[in-house]
Amino acid sequence: MAHQHGAGRIAAAVTGAPGAAVLASLAVPAVLPVAADVRLLIALLAVLPAVATAACLALLARSAVRAWVASALVAAVAAVVLVLA
């Protein structure tokens, strides 16, 4: 059975998910109690797998709306963590 709204899921995988993944990969190390250079290293090492995983999960979403909502939710949580950290 073919998925509906393939273009929307592709758009979310190409634009929304990578941005949310980059924000998340910056937010997670921001709360770690380690030196700043170690936090930068963790963020740099985590960003590529996070972007690839986010794009794949957006493509596997049941609909375009779910893909966009998931990307927006991850980005919002990461932004809150970055602001509060």
Protein backbone atom coordinates (compact mmCIF):
# COMPACT_ATOMS: atom_id res chain seq x y z
CA MET A 1 0.00 0.00 0.00
CA ALA A 2 1.45 3.33 -1.04
CA HIS A 3 1.84 6.17 1.44
CA GLN A 4 -0.18 9.31 0.96
CA HIS A 5 1.39 12.77 0.88
CA GLY A 6 4.82 11.58 -0.23
CA ALA A 7 5.91 15.08 -1.22
CA GLY A 8 5.17 16.43 2.24
CA ARG A 9 7.16 13.69 3.92
CA ILE A 10 10.05 14.28 1.53
CA ALA A 11 9.94 18.01 2.23
CA ALA A 12 9.99 17.31 5.97
CA ALA A 13 12.92 14.92 5.53
CA VAL A 14 14.92 17.42 3.48
CA THR A 15 14.19 20.64 5.38
CA GLY A 16 12.55 20.16 8.77
CA ALA A 17 14.18 17.05 10.16
CA PRO A 18 17.82 18.07 9.60
CA GLY A 19 17.24 21.43 11.25
CA ALA A 20 15.61 19.80 14.25
CA ALA A 21 18.44 17.26 14.45
CA VAL A 22 21.08 20.00 14.46
CA LEU A 23 19.24 21.82 17.25
CA ALA A 24 18.97 18.58 19.23
CA SER A 25 22.64 17.76 18.74
CA LEU A 26 23.50 21.21 20.14
CA ALA A 27 21.03 20.99 23.02
CA VAL A 28 22.09 17.63 24.41
CA PRO A 29 25.75 18.55 25.01
CA ALA A 30 24.71 21.95 26.39
CA VAL A 31 23.39 20.29 29.55
CA LEU A 32 26.36 17.96 30.11
CA PRO A 33 28.64 18.88 33.02
CA VAL A 34 31.90 18.70 31.05
CA ALA A 35 34.36 21.22 29.60
CA ALA A 36 33.30 23.38 26.67
CA ASP A 37 35.67 21.73 24.21
CA VAL A 38 34.30 18.29 25.10
CA ARG A 39 30.74 19.56 24.60
CA LEU A 40 31.71 20.86 21.16
CA LEU A 41 33.28 17.52 20.26
CA ILE A 42 30.16 15.65 21.36
CA ALA A 43 27.94 17.95 19.30
CA LEU A 44 30.14 17.56 16.22
CA LEU A 45 30.22 13.79 16.53
CA ALA A 46 26.46 13.53 17.11
CA VAL A 47 25.21 15.80 14.34
CA LEU A 48 25.73 13.55 11.30
CA PRO A 49 24.04 10.44 12.71
CA ALA A 50 21.26 12.62 14.13
CA VAL A 51 20.56 14.25 10.75
CA ALA A 52 20.58 10.91 8.94
CA THR A 53 18.29 9.32 11.52
CA ALA A 54 15.89 12.26 11.51
CA ALA A 55 15.61 12.24 7.72
CA CYS A 56 14.95 8.50 7.67
CA LEU A 57 12.33 8.76 10.40
CA ALA A 58 10.60 11.60 8.57
CA LEU A 59 10.41 9.46 5.44
CA LEU A 60 9.00 6.57 7.46
CA ALA A 61 6.27 8.68 9.05
CA ARG A 62 2.69 7.70 8.29
CA SER A 63 1.84 11.13 6.92
CA ALA A 64 3.39 14.48 6.14
CA VAL A 65 1.65 16.05 9.11
CA ARG A 66 3.22 13.55 11.50
CA ALA A 67 6.66 14.12 9.98
CA TRP A 68 6.36 17.89 10.35
CA VAL A 69 4.89 17.71 13.85
CA ALA A 70 7.67 15.40 15.02
CA SER A 71 10.33 17.73 13.57
CA ALA A 72 8.68 20.77 15.13
CA LEU A 73 8.36 19.05 18.51
CA VAL A 74 12.03 18.03 18.56
CA ALA A 75 13.08 21.53 17.49
CA ALA A 76 10.89 23.17 20.14
CA VAL A 77 12.20 20.99 22.95
CA ALA A 78 15.79 21.54 21.83
CA ALA A 79 15.25 25.30 21.63
CA VAL A 80 13.83 25.36 25.17
CA VAL A 81 16.81 23.37 26.44
CA LEU A 82 19.22 25.75 24.70
CA VAL A 83 17.49 28.82 26.13
CA LEU A 84 17.37 27.44 29.66
CA ALA A 85 20.92 26.01 29.66
